[in-house]
Amino acid sequence: MVHGALPTGDRDLTDNADCQPAAPASSHAVQSRRSHKGMKLAPWQLKRAQELMFEQVASVLEVAQIAQGLGMSTAYFTKAFKNTVGIPPYGWHLRQRITRSASLLHDQKLTLAQIATECGFSDQSHYTKAFR
């Protein structure tokens, strides 16, 4: 066949010795791109992520900042964190805020509104709903 000429009739392009059929995509490679179950954080990444989240315990969690601090995308970090810890970053962060607030409840000098503010809740009502 002349270079650049189209095949005639019902001939398949693979009949030509110059044309090799494309290798089929590995189903494992395609599947692994779709499956996020194997993504996990390394121990040092988990420790660093938790440190960064503790720094934000009195505020809204900025997952994008944490992911950036670990050099990964927000989506990858979120999935890897959940696969490592068992719950998403926001859920883990909320538990830490509630744990901290529970320890502050022992201080009888603080009101519920003060504890709520100290733990990053917008007000006492938001705090009591999250505590349930």
Protein backbone atom coordinates (compact mmCIF):
# COMPACT_ATOMS: atom_id res chain seq x y z
CA MET A 1 0.00 0.00 0.00
CA VAL A 2 1.26 3.46 -0.86
CA HIS A 3 2.02 5.63 2.15
CA GLY A 4 -0.96 7.86 2.81
CA ALA A 5 -3.33 5.89 0.59
CA LEU A 6 -6.56 4.59 2.07
CA PRO A 7 -7.34 0.87 1.90
CA THR A 8 -9.91 -0.14 -0.67
CA GLY A 9 -12.83 -2.47 -0.27
CA ASP A 10 -13.44 -4.46 2.89
CA ARG A 11 -9.78 -4.84 3.81
CA ASP A 12 -8.95 -4.26 7.41
CA LEU A 13 -6.15 -1.83 8.22
CA THR A 14 -4.41 -4.58 10.18
CA ASP A 15 -3.93 -6.58 6.96
CA ASN A 16 -1.14 -4.19 6.10
CA ALA A 17 2.20 -5.16 7.60
CA ASP A 18 2.98 -1.50 8.27
CA CYS A 19 -0.09 -1.08 10.47
CA GLN A 20 -0.01 -2.80 13.82
CA PRO A 21 -3.23 -3.18 15.79
CA ALA A 22 -3.38 -1.07 18.89
CA ALA A 23 -2.70 -2.97 22.07
CA PRO A 24 -5.87 -3.31 24.13
CA ALA A 25 -5.94 -1.16 27.22
CA SER A 26 -5.19 -3.15 30.31
CA SER A 27 -8.44 -3.63 32.20
CA HIS A 28 -6.43 -3.48 35.43
CA ALA A 29 -5.01 -0.07 34.50
CA VAL A 30 -8.45 1.27 33.63
CA GLN A 31 -9.97 -0.23 36.75
CA SER A 32 -7.25 1.14 39.03
CA ARG A 33 -7.86 4.65 37.73
CA ARG A 34 -11.52 4.30 38.65
CA SER A 35 -11.01 2.58 41.98
CA HIS A 36 -9.81 4.74 44.84
CA LYS A 37 -9.85 2.00 47.45
CA GLY A 38 -6.08 1.51 47.35
CA MET A 39 -5.18 5.17 47.92
CA LYS A 40 -3.86 5.67 51.42
CA LEU A 41 -1.74 8.26 53.16
CA ALA A 42 1.73 7.36 54.31
CA PRO A 43 2.15 7.55 58.10
CA TRP A 44 4.07 10.83 57.86
CA GLN A 45 1.35 12.30 55.62
CA LEU A 46 -1.40 11.29 58.05
CA LYS A 47 0.52 12.78 60.96
CA ARG A 48 1.11 16.04 59.08
CA ALA A 49 -2.53 16.22 57.94
CA GLN A 50 -3.73 15.75 61.52
CA GLU A 51 -1.32 18.42 62.74
CA LEU A 52 -2.66 20.84 60.14
CA MET A 53 -6.23 19.99 61.11
CA PHE A 54 -5.49 20.55 64.80
CA GLU A 55 -4.24 24.02 63.87
CA GLN A 56 -7.70 24.69 62.40
CA VAL A 57 -9.69 23.17 65.29
CA ALA A 58 -11.23 26.53 66.19
CA SER A 59 -12.19 27.37 62.62
CA VAL A 60 -13.70 25.98 59.45
CA LEU A 61 -11.64 23.15 58.00
CA GLU A 62 -9.77 24.18 54.83
CA VAL A 63 -9.19 20.80 53.17
CA ALA A 64 -7.59 22.46 50.13
CA GLN A 65 -4.90 24.02 52.35
CA ILE A 66 -4.13 20.69 53.98
CA ALA A 67 -3.93 18.92 50.64
CA GLN A 68 -1.67 21.66 49.30
CA GLY A 69 0.53 21.34 52.39
CA LEU A 70 0.98 17.68 51.53
CA GLY A 71 1.55 18.36 47.84
CA MET A 72 -1.57 16.64 46.55
CA SER A 73 -4.92 17.55 45.07
CA THR A 74 -7.92 18.08 47.32
CA ALA A 75 -9.79 15.16 45.77
CA TYR A 76 -6.86 12.77 46.15
CA PHE A 77 -6.23 13.86 49.74
CA THR A 78 -9.89 13.49 50.71
CA LYS A 79 -10.13 9.97 49.28
CA ALA A 80 -6.77 8.87 50.66
CA PHE A 81 -7.61 10.27 54.12
CA LYS A 82 -10.94 8.44 54.16
CA ASN A 83 -9.27 5.19 53.06
CA THR A 84 -6.63 5.57 55.77
CA VAL A 85 -8.75 6.74 58.71
CA GLY A 86 -12.19 5.42 57.80
CA ILE A 87 -13.98 8.76 57.77
CA PRO A 88 -13.59 11.87 55.60
CA PRO A 89 -11.43 14.79 56.80
CA TYR A 90 -14.43 16.92 57.77
CA GLY A 91 -15.87 14.12 59.93
CA TRP A 92 -12.52 13.59 61.64
CA HIS A 93 -12.13 17.32 62.21
CA LEU A 94 -15.64 17.56 63.66
CA ARG A 95 -14.88 14.73 66.08
CA GLN A 96 -11.75 16.53 67.23
CA ARG A 97 -13.71 19.73 67.82
CA ILE A 98 -16.32 17.84 69.83
CA THR A 99 -13.64 16.03 71.84
CA ARG A 100 -11.98 19.35 72.61
CA SER A 101 -15.31 20.88 73.61
CA ALA A 102 -16.05 17.95 75.92
CA SER A 103 -12.79 18.58 77.76
CA LEU A 104 -13.67 22.28 78.04
CA LEU A 105 -17.06 21.41 79.58
CA HIS A 106 -15.21 20.44 82.77
CA ASP A 107 -14.18 24.08 83.20
CA GLN A 108 -17.19 25.47 85.02
CA LYS A 109 -16.06 29.03 84.36
CA LEU A 110 -16.87 28.76 80.64
CA THR A 111 -20.37 29.10 79.25
CA LEU A 112 -21.62 26.86 76.44
CA ALA A 113 -21.46 29.85 74.09
CA GLN A 114 -17.78 30.41 74.97
CA ILE A 115 -16.97 26.72 74.48
CA ALA A 116 -18.78 26.76 71.15
CA THR A 117 -16.79 29.75 69.97
CA GLU A 118 -13.53 28.28 71.27
CA CYS A 119 -14.14 25.10 69.27
CA GLY A 120 -15.08 26.82 66.03
CA PHE A 121 -18.86 26.57 66.15
CA SER A 122 -20.83 29.60 65.02
CA ASP A 123 -22.99 29.68 68.15
CA GLN A 124 -24.30 27.59 71.03
CA SER A 125 -27.14 26.16 68.91
CA HIS A 126 -24.73 24.98 66.20
CA TYR A 127 -22.55 23.45 68.89
CA THR A 128 -25.34 21.53 70.62
CA LYS A 129 -26.58 20.14 67.27
CA ALA A 130 -23.08 18.91 66.42
CA PHE A 131 -22.62 17.41 69.87
CA ARG A 132 -25.57 15.01 69.43
